Amino acid sequence: MNAFKRLRDAYVIWHANSIHFPEFDSSIIVRKKVTFSGRVQKVGFRLELFTIAQRLKLTGWVKNLEDGSVEAELQGEESKVNFLLKSMKSLKRASVKKCDVINIPISNNGEDLTIVR
């Protein structure tokens, strides 16, 4: 199982790094709490979200929930956060059935992006 996970993770990172980003217009800074439901665990979803978000220079965190969904708080330019959400909803390896997004207050603590285990 460990070998399979390493292969999957390598593929996920390669895939996330191969996504072409459009030219983003400058936009306001937002922080959004997002819950993805569907087949989003055990498919590299958190790692993909984390890798793309790092490339976009977003901050926040992402974690699995006990009910099988994935929750994230993402902060950065609104156009980049929206691009990330659209990318995650279109993944073929996962199946996002529902994506709940709530705007929350911006954090000023200068955090990095983290995967919460």
PDB file of N, CA and C in Angstrom:
ATOM      1  N   MET A   1       0.817  -1.202   0.000  1.00  0.00           N
ATOM      2  CA  MET A   1       0.000   0.000   0.000  1.00  0.00           C
ATOM      3  C   MET A   1       0.859   1.264   0.000  1.00  0.00           C
ATOM      4  N   ASN A   2       1.964   1.239   0.714  1.00  0.00           N
ATOM      5  CA  ASN A   2       2.845   2.397   0.755  1.00  0.00           C
ATOM      6  C   ASN A   2       3.392   2.754  -0.619  1.00  0.00           C
ATOM      7  N   ALA A   3       3.760   1.740  -1.413  1.00  0.00           N
ATOM      8  CA  ALA A   3       4.280   1.990  -2.759  1.00  0.00           C
ATOM      9  C   ALA A   3       3.207   2.629  -3.632  1.00  0.00           C
ATOM     10  N   PHE A   4       1.972   2.162  -3.513  1.00  0.00           N
ATOM     11  CA  PHE A   4       0.873   2.739  -4.280  1.00  0.00           C
ATOM     12  C   PHE A   4       0.663   4.205  -3.899  1.00  0.00           C
ATOM     13  N   LYS A   5       0.692   4.497  -2.607  1.00  0.00           N
ATOM     14  CA  LYS A   5       0.499   5.871  -2.153  1.00  0.00           C
ATOM     15  C   LYS A   5       1.609   6.785  -2.662  1.00  0.00           C
ATOM     16  N   ARG A   6       2.841   6.299  -2.652  1.00  0.00           N
ATOM     17  CA  ARG A   6       3.957   7.102  -3.174  1.00  0.00           C
ATOM     18  C   ARG A   6       3.775   7.382  -4.667  1.00  0.00           C
ATOM     19  N   LEU A   7       3.358   6.372  -5.421  1.00  0.00           N
ATOM     20  CA  LEU A   7       3.112   6.561  -6.856  1.00  0.00           C
ATOM     21  C   LEU A   7       1.983   7.557  -7.084  1.00  0.00           C
ATOM     22  N   ARG A   8       0.892   7.393  -6.336  1.00  0.00           N
ATOM     23  CA  ARG A   8      -0.242   8.303  -6.477  1.00  0.00           C
ATOM     24  C   ARG A   8       0.174   9.727  -6.146  1.00  0.00           C
ATOM     25  N   ASP A   9       0.901   9.897  -5.037  1.00  0.00           N
ATOM     26  CA  ASP A   9       1.321  11.235  -4.632  1.00  0.00           C
ATOM     27  C   ASP A   9       2.234  11.869  -5.674  1.00  0.00           C
ATOM     28  N   ALA A  10       3.124  11.085  -6.263  1.00  0.00           N
ATOM     29  CA  ALA A  10       4.001  11.608  -7.312  1.00  0.00           C
ATOM     30  C   ALA A  10       3.180  12.064  -8.511  1.00  0.00           C
ATOM     31  N   TYR A  11       2.165  11.275  -8.877  1.00  0.00           N
ATOM     32  CA  TYR A  11       1.296  11.653  -9.991  1.00  0.00           C
ATOM     33  C   TYR A  11       0.521  12.926  -9.654  1.00  0.00           C
ATOM     34  N   VAL A  12      -0.020  12.999  -8.446  1.00  0.00           N
ATOM     35  CA  VAL A  12      -0.807  14.165  -8.029  1.00  0.00           C
ATOM     36  C   VAL A  12       0.049  15.428  -8.102  1.00  0.00           C
ATOM     37  N   ILE A  13       1.262  15.369  -7.593  1.00  0.00           N
ATOM     38  CA  ILE A  13       2.158  16.533  -7.624  1.00  0.00           C
ATOM     39  C   ILE A  13       2.502  16.910  -9.058  1.00  0.00           C
ATOM     40  N   TRP A  14       2.797  15.902  -9.886  1.00  0.00           N
ATOM     41  CA  TRP A  14       3.078  16.176 -11.296  1.00  0.00           C
ATOM     42  C   TRP A  14       1.869  16.858 -11.949  1.00  0.00           C
ATOM     43  N   HIS A  15       0.673  16.315 -11.718  1.00  0.00           N
ATOM     44  CA  HIS A  15      -0.538  16.874 -12.311  1.00  0.00           C
ATOM     45  C   HIS A  15      -0.770  18.310 -11.841  1.00  0.00           C
ATOM     46  N   ALA A  16      -0.635  18.545 -10.544  1.00  0.00           N
ATOM     47  CA  ALA A  16      -0.861  19.887  -9.995  1.00  0.00           C
ATOM     48  C   ALA A  16       0.153  20.885 -10.539  1.00  0.00           C
ATOM     49  N   ASN A  17       1.374  20.440 -10.771  1.00  0.00           N
ATOM     50  CA  ASN A  17       2.413  21.325 -11.301  1.00  0.00           C
ATOM     51  C   ASN A  17       2.296  21.541 -12.803  1.00  0.00           C
ATOM     52  N   SER A  18       1.497  20.716 -13.485  1.00  0.00           N
ATOM     53  CA  SER A  18       1.361  20.863 -14.935  1.00  0.00           C
ATOM     54  C   SER A  18       0.151  21.709 -15.332  1.00  0.00           C
ATOM     55  N   ILE A  19      -0.657  22.126 -14.369  1.00  0.00           N
ATOM     56  CA  ILE A  19      -1.819  22.966 -14.676  1.00  0.00           C
ATOM     57  C   ILE A  19      -1.341  24.339 -15.127  1.00  0.00           C
ATOM     58  N   HIS A  20      -1.867  24.769 -16.261  1.00  0.00           N
ATOM     59  CA  HIS A  20      -1.525  26.087 -16.799  1.00  0.00           C
ATOM     60  C   HIS A  20      -2.408  27.144 -16.137  1.00  0.00           C
ATOM     61  N   PHE A  21      -1.786  28.177 -15.601  1.00  0.00           N
ATOM     62  CA  PHE A  21      -2.528  29.264 -14.976  1.00  0.00           C
ATOM     63  C   PHE A  21      -2.781  30.365 -16.002  1.00  0.00           C
ATOM     64  N   PRO A  22      -3.973  30.922 -15.992  1.00  0.00           N
ATOM     65  CA  PRO A  22      -4.235  32.082 -16.856  1.00  0.00           C
ATOM     66  C   PRO A  22      -3.572  33.323 -16.268  1.00  0.00           C
ATOM     67  N   GLU A  23      -3.616  34.415 -17.015  1.00  0.00           N
ATOM     68  CA  GLU A  23      -3.184  35.697 -16.457  1.00  0.00           C
ATOM     69  C   GLU A  23      -4.286  36.155 -15.508  1.00  0.00           C
ATOM     70  N   PHE A  24      -3.942  36.337 -14.245  1.00  0.00           N
ATOM     71  CA  PHE A  24      -4.936  36.758 -13.258  1.00  0.00           C
ATOM     72  C   PHE A  24      -4.969  38.272 -13.173  1.00  0.00           C
ATOM     73  N   ASP A  25      -6.185  38.818 -13.207  1.00  0.00           N
ATOM     74  CA  ASP A  25      -6.347  40.240 -12.939  1.00  0.00           C
ATOM     75  C   ASP A  25      -6.173  40.434 -11.441  1.00  0.00           C
ATOM     76  N   SER A  26      -5.616  41.549 -11.059  1.00  0.00           N
ATOM     77  CA  SER A  26      -5.469  41.855  -9.639  1.00  0.00           C
ATOM     78  C   SER A  26      -6.863  41.933  -9.020  1.00  0.00           C
ATOM     79  N   SER A  27      -7.006  41.341  -7.854  1.00  0.00           N
ATOM     80  CA  SER A  27      -8.318  41.350  -7.201  1.00  0.00           C
ATOM     81  C   SER A  27      -8.148  41.484  -5.694  1.00  0.00           C
ATOM     82  N   ILE A  28      -9.250  41.658  -5.011  1.00  0.00           N
ATOM     83  CA  ILE A  28      -9.213  41.846  -3.565  1.00  0.00           C
ATOM     84  C   ILE A  28      -8.776  40.559  -2.865  1.00  0.00           C
ATOM     85  N   ILE A  29      -8.254  40.712  -1.661  1.00  0.00           N
ATOM     86  CA  ILE A  29      -7.874  39.566  -0.835  1.00  0.00           C
ATOM     87  C   ILE A  29      -9.115  39.074  -0.099  1.00  0.00           C
ATOM     88  N   VAL A  30      -9.341  37.773  -0.163  1.00  0.00           N
ATOM     89  CA  VAL A  30     -10.489  37.156   0.514  1.00  0.00           C
ATOM     90  C   VAL A  30     -10.007  35.947   1.293  1.00  0.00           C
ATOM     91  N   ARG A  31     -10.828  35.497   2.213  1.00  0.00           N
ATOM     92  CA  ARG A  31     -10.600  34.232   2.922  1.00  0.00           C
ATOM     93  C   ARG A  31     -11.914  33.470   2.850  1.00  0.00           C
ATOM     94  N   LYS A  32     -11.830  32.234   2.384  1.00  0.00           N
ATOM     95  CA  LYS A  32     -13.027  31.421   2.216  1.00  0.00           C
ATOM     96  C   LYS A  32     -12.860  30.085   2.914  1.00  0.00           C
ATOM     97  N   LYS A  33     -13.924  29.662   3.583  1.00  0.00           N
ATOM     98  CA  LYS A  33     -13.975  28.323   4.164  1.00  0.00           C
ATOM     99  C   LYS A  33     -14.772  27.470   3.185  1.00  0.00           C
ATOM    100  N   VAL A  34     -14.164  26.380   2.747  1.00  0.00           N
ATOM    101  CA  VAL A  34     -14.754  25.561   1.701  1.00  0.00           C
ATOM    102  C   VAL A  34     -14.860  24.119   2.184  1.00  0.00           C
ATOM    103  N   THR A  35     -15.995  23.496   1.923  1.00  0.00           N
ATOM    104  CA  THR A  35     -16.169  22.079   2.214  1.00  0.00           C
ATOM    105  C   THR A  35     -16.517  21.364   0.918  1.00  0.00           C
ATOM    106  N   PHE A  36     -15.664  20.408   0.534  1.00  0.00           N
ATOM    107  CA  PHE A  36     -15.881  19.600  -0.659  1.00  0.00           C
ATOM    108  C   PHE A  36     -16.451  18.257  -0.227  1.00  0.00           C
ATOM    109  N   SER A  37     -17.579  17.869  -0.802  1.00  0.00           N
ATOM    110  CA  SER A  37     -18.191  16.578  -0.499  1.00  0.00           C
ATOM    111  C   SER A  37     -18.225  15.731  -1.767  1.00  0.00           C
ATOM    112  N   GLY A  38     -18.223  14.433  -1.581  1.00  0.00           N
ATOM    113  CA  GLY A  38     -18.211  13.491  -2.700  1.00  0.00           C
ATOM    114  C   GLY A  38     -17.076  12.502  -2.487  1.00  0.00           C
ATOM    115  N   ARG A  39     -16.480  12.032  -3.585  1.00  0.00           N
ATOM    116  CA  ARG A  39     -15.324  11.136  -3.476  1.00  0.00           C
ATOM    117  C   ARG A  39     -14.075  12.014  -3.492  1.00  0.00           C
ATOM    118  N   VAL A  40     -13.695  12.493  -2.307  1.00  0.00           N
ATOM    119  CA  VAL A  40     -12.586  13.440  -2.199  1.00  0.00           C
ATOM    120  C   VAL A  40     -11.500  12.979  -1.228  1.00  0.00           C
ATOM    121  N   GLN A  41     -11.666  11.826  -0.629  1.00  0.00           N
ATOM    122  CA  GLN A  41     -10.619  11.279   0.231  1.00  0.00           C
ATOM    123  C   GLN A  41     -10.036  10.035  -0.420  1.00  0.00           C
ATOM    124  N   LYS A  42      -8.742   9.805  -0.134  1.00  0.00           N
ATOM    125  CA  LYS A  42      -7.982   8.665  -0.664  1.00  0.00           C
ATOM    126  C   LYS A  42      -7.772   8.733  -2.178  1.00  0.00           C
ATOM    127  N   VAL A  43      -7.807   9.963  -2.735  1.00  0.00           N
ATOM    128  CA  VAL A  43      -7.552  10.158  -4.160  1.00  0.00           C
ATOM    129  C   VAL A  43      -6.504  11.253  -4.406  1.00  0.00           C
ATOM    130  N   GLY A  44      -5.849  11.710  -3.330  1.00  0.00           N
ATOM    131  CA  GLY A  44      -4.842  12.754  -3.458  1.00  0.00           C
ATOM    132  C   GLY A  44      -5.422  14.161  -3.542  1.00  0.00           C
ATOM    133  N   PHE A  45      -6.659  14.315  -3.112  1.00  0.00           N
ATOM    134  CA  PHE A  45      -7.352  15.605  -3.225  1.00  0.00           C
ATOM    135  C   PHE A  45      -6.669  16.701  -2.405  1.00  0.00           C
ATOM    136  N   ARG A  46      -6.369  16.407  -1.126  1.00  0.00           N
ATOM    137  CA  ARG A  46      -5.708  17.413  -0.277  1.00  0.00           C
ATOM    138  C   ARG A  46      -4.361  17.815  -0.848  1.00  0.00           C
ATOM    139  N   LEU A  47      -3.588  16.829  -1.296  1.00  0.00           N
ATOM    140  CA  LEU A  47      -2.260  17.113  -1.839  1.00  0.00           C
ATOM    141  C   LEU A  47      -2.357  17.964  -3.103  1.00  0.00           C
ATOM    142  N   GLU A  48      -3.321  17.663  -3.963  1.00  0.00           N
ATOM    143  CA  GLU A  48      -3.507  18.458  -5.177  1.00  0.00           C
ATOM    144  C   GLU A  48      -3.901  19.890  -4.819  1.00  0.00           C
ATOM    145  N   LEU A  49      -4.862  20.039  -3.919  1.00  0.00           N
ATOM    146  CA  LEU A  49      -5.288  21.371  -3.506  1.00  0.00           C
ATOM    147  C   LEU A  49      -4.106  22.132  -2.907  1.00  0.00           C
ATOM    148  N   PHE A  50      -3.365  21.480  -2.045  1.00  0.00           N
ATOM    149  CA  PHE A  50      -2.198  22.080  -1.391  1.00  0.00           C
ATOM    150  C   PHE A  50      -1.164  22.538  -2.433  1.00  0.00           C
ATOM    151  N   THR A  51      -0.840  21.678  -3.389  1.00  0.00           N
ATOM    152  CA  THR A  51       0.196  21.990  -4.379  1.00  0.00           C
ATOM    153  C   THR A  51      -0.225  23.149  -5.281  1.00  0.00           C
ATOM    154  N   ILE A  52      -1.462  23.128  -5.750  1.00  0.00           N
ATOM    155  CA  ILE A  52      -1.942  24.227  -6.601  1.00  0.00           C
ATOM    156  C   ILE A  52      -1.997  25.523  -5.793  1.00  0.00           C
ATOM    157  N   ALA A  53      -2.509  25.452  -4.566  1.00  0.00           N
ATOM    158  CA  ALA A  53      -2.613  26.646  -3.724  1.00  0.00           C
ATOM    159  C   ALA A  53      -1.236  27.248  -3.439  1.00  0.00           C
ATOM    160  N   GLN A  54      -0.235  26.400  -3.235  1.00  0.00           N
ATOM    161  CA  GLN A  54       1.124  26.906  -3.030  1.00  0.00           C
ATOM    162  C   GLN A  54       1.610  27.644  -4.271  1.00  0.00           C
ATOM    163  N   ARG A  55       1.358  27.058  -5.445  1.00  0.00           N
ATOM    164  CA  ARG A  55       1.764  27.713  -6.696  1.00  0.00           C
ATOM    165  C   ARG A  55       1.078  29.068  -6.859  1.00  0.00           C
ATOM    166  N   LEU A  56      -0.161  29.167  -6.363  1.00  0.00           N
ATOM    167  CA  LEU A  56      -0.912  30.418  -6.454  1.00  0.00           C
ATOM    168  C   LEU A  56      -0.578  31.387  -5.326  1.00  0.00           C
ATOM    169  N   LYS A  57       0.287  30.945  -4.402  1.00  0.00           N
ATOM    170  CA  LYS A  57       0.710  31.752  -3.246  1.00  0.00           C
ATOM    171  C   LYS A  57      -0.472  32.086  -2.325  1.00  0.00           C
ATOM    172  N   LEU A  58      -1.336  31.095  -2.115  1.00  0.00           N
ATOM    173  CA  LEU A  58      -2.447  31.245  -1.182  1.00  0.00           C
ATOM    174  C   LEU A  58      -1.993  30.762   0.193  1.00  0.00           C
ATOM    175  N   THR A  59      -2.696  31.188   1.224  1.00  0.00           N
ATOM    176  CA  THR A  59      -2.414  30.725   2.579  1.00  0.00           C
ATOM    177  C   THR A  59      -3.654  30.026   3.126  1.00  0.00           C
ATOM    178  N   GLY A  60      -3.487  29.337   4.261  1.00  0.00           N
ATOM    179  CA  GLY A  60      -4.604  28.664   4.907  1.00  0.00           C
ATOM    180  C   GLY A  60      -4.256  27.234   5.254  1.00  0.00           C
ATOM    181  N   TRP A  61      -5.259  26.362   5.182  1.00  0.00           N
ATOM    182  CA  TRP A  61      -5.057  24.955   5.527  1.00  0.00           C
ATOM    183  C   TRP A  61      -6.098  24.096   4.815  1.00  0.00           C
ATOM    184  N   VAL A  62      -5.834  22.791   4.807  1.00  0.00           N
ATOM    185  CA  VAL A  62      -6.764  21.819   4.229  1.00  0.00           C
ATOM    186  C   VAL A  62      -6.710  20.562   5.088  1.00  0.00           C
ATOM    187  N   LYS A  63      -7.873  19.932   5.313  1.00  0.00           N
ATOM    188  CA  LYS A  63      -7.899  18.722   6.133  1.00  0.00           C
ATOM    189  C   LYS A  63      -9.068  17.834   5.730  1.00  0.00           C
ATOM    190  N   ASN A  64      -8.914  16.538   6.024  1.00  0.00           N
ATOM    191  CA  ASN A  64     -10.003  15.574   5.857  1.00  0.00           C
ATOM    192  C   ASN A  64     -10.930  15.679   7.061  1.00  0.00           C
ATOM    193  N   LEU A  65     -12.217  15.478   6.823  1.00  0.00           N
ATOM    194  CA  LEU A  65     -13.195  15.413   7.903  1.00  0.00           C
ATOM    195  C   LEU A  65     -13.649  13.966   8.070  1.00  0.00           C
ATOM    196  N   GLU A  66     -14.141  13.639   9.248  1.00  0.00           N
ATOM    197  CA  GLU A  66     -14.556  12.265   9.544  1.00  0.00           C
ATOM    198  C   GLU A  66     -15.706  11.788   8.665  1.00  0.00           C
ATOM    199  N   ASP A  67     -16.521  12.705   8.137  1.00  0.00           N
ATOM    200  CA  ASP A  67     -17.664  12.306   7.310  1.00  0.00           C
ATOM    201  C   ASP A  67     -17.284  12.012   5.855  1.00  0.00           C
ATOM    202  N   GLY A  68     -15.975  12.061   5.532  1.00  0.00           N
ATOM    203  CA  GLY A  68     -15.514  11.757   4.178  1.00  0.00           C
ATOM    204  C   GLY A  68     -15.341  12.972   3.292  1.00  0.00           C
ATOM    205  N   SER A  69     -15.638  14.154   3.819  1.00  0.00           N
ATOM    206  CA  SER A  69     -15.453  15.371   3.034  1.00  0.00           C
ATOM    207  C   SER A  69     -14.088  15.990   3.346  1.00  0.00           C
ATOM    208  N   VAL A  70     -13.745  17.024   2.600  1.00  0.00           N
ATOM    209  CA  VAL A  70     -12.490  17.753   2.799  1.00  0.00           C
ATOM    210  C   VAL A  70     -12.844  19.211   3.035  1.00  0.00           C
ATOM    211  N   GLU A  71     -12.220  19.801   4.065  1.00  0.00           N
ATOM    212  CA  GLU A  71     -12.464  21.194   4.413  1.00  0.00           C
ATOM    213  C   GLU A  71     -11.172  21.987   4.234  1.00  0.00           C
ATOM    214  N   ALA A  72     -11.317  23.222   3.786  1.00  0.00           N
ATOM    215  CA  ALA A  72     -10.148  24.085   3.606  1.00  0.00           C
ATOM    216  C   ALA A  72     -10.524  25.520   3.937  1.00  0.00           C
ATOM    217  N   GLU A  73      -9.542  26.251   4.434  1.00  0.00           N
ATOM    218  CA  GLU A  73      -9.645  27.703   4.523  1.00  0.00           C
ATOM    219  C   GLU A  73      -8.554  28.238   3.619  1.00  0.00           C
ATOM    220  N   LEU A  74      -8.949  29.075   2.679  1.00  0.00           N
ATOM    221  CA  LEU A  74      -8.025  29.594   1.682  1.00  0.00           C
ATOM    222  C   LEU A  74      -8.073  31.107   1.667  1.00  0.00           C
ATOM    223  N   GLN A  75      -6.883  31.723   1.657  1.00  0.00           N
ATOM    224  CA  GLN A  75      -6.804  33.179   1.641  1.00  0.00           C
ATOM    225  C   GLN A  75      -5.857  33.618   0.548  1.00  0.00           C
ATOM    226  N   GLY A  76      -6.277  34.632  -0.178  1.00  0.00           N
ATOM    227  CA  GLY A  76      -5.457  35.199  -1.236  1.00  0.00           C
ATOM    228  C   GLY A  76      -6.336  36.016  -2.161  1.00  0.00           C
ATOM    229  N   GLU A  77      -5.780  36.368  -3.311  1.00  0.00           N
ATOM    230  CA  GLU A  77      -6.555  37.136  -4.281  1.00  0.00           C
ATOM    231  C   GLU A  77      -7.772  36.324  -4.710  1.00  0.00           C
ATOM    232  N   GLU A  78      -8.919  36.981  -4.765  1.00  0.00           N
ATOM    233  CA  GLU A  78     -10.178  36.299  -5.061  1.00  0.00           C
ATOM    234  C   GLU A  78     -10.132  35.542  -6.387  1.00  0.00           C
ATOM    235  N   SER A  79      -9.515  36.114  -7.399  1.00  0.00           N
ATOM    236  CA  SER A  79      -9.452  35.444  -8.705  1.00  0.00           C
ATOM    237  C   SER A  79      -8.661  34.134  -8.610  1.00  0.00           C
ATOM    238  N   LYS A  80      -7.634  34.102  -7.791  1.00  0.00           N
ATOM    239  CA  LYS A  80      -6.829  32.888  -7.626  1.00  0.00           C
ATOM    240  C   LYS A  80      -7.562  31.838  -6.793  1.00  0.00           C
ATOM    241  N   VAL A  81      -8.243  32.266  -5.734  1.00  0.00           N
ATOM    242  CA  VAL A  81      -9.027  31.324  -4.924  1.00  0.00           C
ATOM    243  C   VAL A  81     -10.114  30.702  -5.792  1.00  0.00           C
ATOM    244  N   ASN A  82     -10.810  31.515  -6.581  1.00  0.00           N
ATOM    245  CA  ASN A  82     -11.872  31.001  -7.445  1.00  0.00           C
ATOM    246  C   ASN A  82     -11.331  30.039  -8.503  1.00  0.00           C
ATOM    247  N   PHE A  83     -10.153  30.327  -9.044  1.00  0.00           N
ATOM    248  CA  PHE A  83      -9.531  29.422 -10.013  1.00  0.00           C
ATOM    249  C   PHE A  83      -9.232  28.075  -9.360  1.00  0.00           C
ATOM    250  N   LEU A  84      -8.708  28.097  -8.132  1.00  0.00           N
ATOM    251  CA  LEU A  84      -8.402  26.859  -7.420  1.00  0.00           C
ATOM    252  C   LEU A  84      -9.670  26.044  -7.193  1.00  0.00           C
ATOM    253  N   LEU A  85     -10.737  26.690  -6.747  1.00  0.00           N
ATOM    254  CA  LEU A  85     -11.994  25.977  -6.499  1.00  0.00           C
ATOM    255  C   LEU A  85     -12.514  25.339  -7.783  1.00  0.00           C
ATOM    256  N   LYS A  86     -12.456  26.062  -8.879  1.00  0.00           N
ATOM    257  CA  LYS A  86     -12.907  25.524 -10.166  1.00  0.00           C
ATOM    258  C   LYS A  86     -12.045  24.330 -10.580  1.00  0.00           C
ATOM    259  N   SER A  87     -10.747  24.433 -10.372  1.00  0.00           N
ATOM    260  CA  SER A  87      -9.834  23.329 -10.715  1.00  0.00           C
ATOM    261  C   SER A  87     -10.144  22.081  -9.901  1.00  0.00           C
ATOM    262  N   MET A  88     -10.400  22.254  -8.616  1.00  0.00           N
ATOM    263  CA  MET A  88     -10.665  21.103  -7.751  1.00  0.00           C
ATOM    264  C   MET A  88     -11.993  20.443  -8.101  1.00  0.00           C
ATOM    265  N   LYS A  89     -12.985  21.227  -8.487  1.00  0.00           N
ATOM    266  CA  LYS A  89     -14.289  20.673  -8.861  1.00  0.00           C
ATOM    267  C   LYS A  89     -14.226  19.903 -10.170  1.00  0.00           C
ATOM    268  N   SER A  90     -13.220  20.183 -10.997  1.00  0.00           N
ATOM    269  CA  SER A  90     -13.134  19.530 -12.306  1.00  0.00           C
ATOM    270  C   SER A  90     -12.192  18.327 -12.337  1.00  0.00           C
ATOM    271  N   LEU A  91     -11.606  17.945 -11.199  1.00  0.00           N
ATOM    272  CA  LEU A  91     -10.696  16.796 -11.169  1.00  0.00           C
ATOM    273  C   LEU A  91     -11.404  15.520 -11.607  1.00  0.00           C
ATOM    274  N   LYS A  92     -10.766  14.740 -12.457  1.00  0.00           N
ATOM    275  CA  LYS A  92     -11.337  13.465 -12.906  1.00  0.00           C
ATOM    276  C   LYS A  92     -11.144  12.365 -11.871  1.00  0.00           C
ATOM    277  N   ARG A  93     -10.055  12.422 -11.135  1.00  0.00           N
ATOM    278  CA  ARG A  93      -9.703  11.396 -10.152  1.00  0.00           C
ATOM    279  C   ARG A  93     -10.616  11.443  -8.927  1.00  0.00           C
ATOM    280  N   ALA A  94     -11.156  12.616  -8.662  1.00  0.00           N
ATOM    281  CA  ALA A  94     -12.082  12.809  -7.552  1.00  0.00           C
ATOM    282  C   ALA A  94     -13.462  13.081  -8.139  1.00  0.00           C
ATOM    283  N   SER A  95     -14.440  13.120  -7.284  1.00  0.00           N
ATOM    284  CA  SER A  95     -15.792  13.427  -7.735  1.00  0.00           C
ATOM    285  C   SER A  95     -16.432  14.358  -6.715  1.00  0.00           C
ATOM    286  N   VAL A  96     -16.336  15.659  -6.981  1.00  0.00           N
ATOM    287  CA  VAL A  96     -16.903  16.647  -6.078  1.00  0.00           C
ATOM    288  C   VAL A  96     -18.397  16.755  -6.379  1.00  0.00           C
ATOM    289  N   LYS A  97     -19.210  16.315  -5.445  1.00  0.00           N
ATOM    290  CA  LYS A  97     -20.663  16.374  -5.599  1.00  0.00           C
ATOM    291  C   LYS A  97     -21.219  17.703  -5.099  1.00  0.00           C
ATOM    292  N   LYS A  98     -20.551  18.276  -4.086  1.00  0.00           N
ATOM    293  CA  LYS A  98     -21.032  19.511  -3.483  1.00  0.00           C
ATOM    294  C   LYS A  98     -19.836  20.320  -2.999  1.00  0.00           C
ATOM    295  N   CYS A  99     -19.922  21.624  -3.166  1.00  0.00           N
ATOM    296  CA  CYS A  99     -18.853  22.523  -2.725  1.00  0.00           C
ATOM    297  C   CYS A  99     -19.509  23.709  -2.029  1.00  0.00           C
ATOM    298  N   ASP A 100     -19.423  23.723  -0.702  1.00  0.00           N
ATOM    299  CA  ASP A 100     -19.991  24.822   0.081  1.00  0.00           C
ATOM    300  C   ASP A 100     -18.897  25.840   0.372  1.00  0.00           C
ATOM    301  N   VAL A 101     -19.168  27.099   0.064  1.00  0.00           N
ATOM    302  CA  VAL A 101     -18.186  28.171   0.244  1.00  0.00           C
ATOM    303  C   VAL A 101     -18.785  29.251   1.132  1.00  0.00           C
ATOM    304  N   ILE A 102     -18.020  29.628   2.157  1.00  0.00           N
ATOM    305  CA  ILE A 102     -18.437  30.692   3.075  1.00  0.00           C
ATOM    306  C   ILE A 102     -17.307  31.714   3.140  1.00  0.00           C
ATOM    307  N   ASN A 103     -17.634  32.986   2.970  1.00  0.00           N
ATOM    308  CA  ASN A 103     -16.644  34.049   3.159  1.00  0.00           C
ATOM    309  C   ASN A 103     -16.445  34.255   4.653  1.00  0.00           C
ATOM    310  N   ILE A 104     -15.188  34.306   5.083  1.00  0.00           N
ATOM    311  CA  ILE A 104     -14.866  34.508   6.493  1.00  0.00           C
ATOM    312  C   ILE A 104     -13.863  35.660   6.613  1.00  0.00           C
ATOM    313  N   PRO A 105     -13.671  36.196   7.826  1.00  0.00           N
ATOM    314  CA  PRO A 105     -12.738  37.315   7.997  1.00  0.00           C
ATOM    315  C   PRO A 105     -11.297  36.940   7.612  1.00  0.00           C
ATOM    316  N   ILE A 106     -10.611  37.887   7.048  1.00  0.00           N
ATOM    317  CA  ILE A 106      -9.219  37.700   6.633  1.00  0.00           C
ATOM    318  C   ILE A 106      -8.332  37.552   7.867  1.00  0.00           C
ATOM    319  N   SER A 107      -7.353  36.646   7.781  1.00  0.00           N
ATOM    320  CA  SER A 107      -6.387  36.435   8.852  1.00  0.00           C
ATOM    321  C   SER A 107      -5.145  37.262   8.556  1.00  0.00           C
ATOM    322  N   ASN A 108      -4.612  37.905   9.558  1.00  0.00           N
ATOM    323  CA  ASN A 108      -3.420  38.746   9.376  1.00  0.00           C
ATOM    324  C   ASN A 108      -2.172  38.123   9.988  1.00  0.00           C
ATOM    325  N   ASN A 109      -2.182  36.818  10.275  1.00  0.00           N
ATOM    326  CA  ASN A 109      -1.035  36.244  10.976  1.00  0.00           C
ATOM    327  C   ASN A 109       0.050  35.728  10.043  1.00  0.00           C
ATOM    328  N   GLY A 110      -0.043  35.953   8.740  1.00  0.00           N
ATOM    329  CA  GLY A 110       1.018  35.599   7.814  1.00  0.00           C
ATOM    330  C   GLY A 110       1.314  34.106   7.725  1.00  0.00           C
ATOM    331  N   GLU A 111       0.309  33.276   7.906  1.00  0.00           N
ATOM    332  CA  GLU A 111       0.489  31.832   7.906  1.00  0.00           C
ATOM    333  C   GLU A 111       0.888  31.293   6.531  1.00  0.00           C
ATOM    334  N   ASP A 112       1.485  30.128   6.528  1.00  0.00           N
ATOM    335  CA  ASP A 112       1.736  29.392   5.289  1.00  0.00           C
ATOM    336  C   ASP A 112       0.548  28.476   5.051  1.00  0.00           C
ATOM    337  N   LEU A 113       0.550  27.829   3.919  1.00  0.00           N
ATOM    338  CA  LEU A 113      -0.465  26.825   3.645  1.00  0.00           C
ATOM    339  C   LEU A 113      -0.040  25.509   4.296  1.00  0.00           C
ATOM    340  N   THR A 114      -0.958  24.816   4.954  1.00  0.00           N
ATOM    341  CA  THR A 114      -0.629  23.556   5.614  1.00  0.00           C
ATOM    342  C   THR A 114      -1.679  22.506   5.341  1.00  0.00           C
ATOM    343  N   ILE A 115      -1.241  21.246   5.386  1.00  0.00           N
ATOM    344  CA  ILE A 115      -2.158  20.113   5.359  1.00  0.00           C
ATOM    345  C   ILE A 115      -2.308  19.652   6.791  1.00  0.00           C
ATOM    346  N   VAL A 116      -3.519  19.697   7.308  1.00  0.00           N
ATOM    347  CA  VAL A 116      -3.783  19.279   8.683  1.00  0.00           C
ATOM    348  C   VAL A 116      -4.039  17.779   8.664  1.00  0.00           C
ATOM    349  N   ARG A 117      -3.309  17.038   9.463  1.00  0.00           N
ATOM    350  CA  ARG A 117      -3.469  15.575   9.505  1.00  0.00           C
ATOM    351  C   ARG A 117      -4.330  15.165  10.669  1.00  0.00           C
TER     352      ARG A 117
END
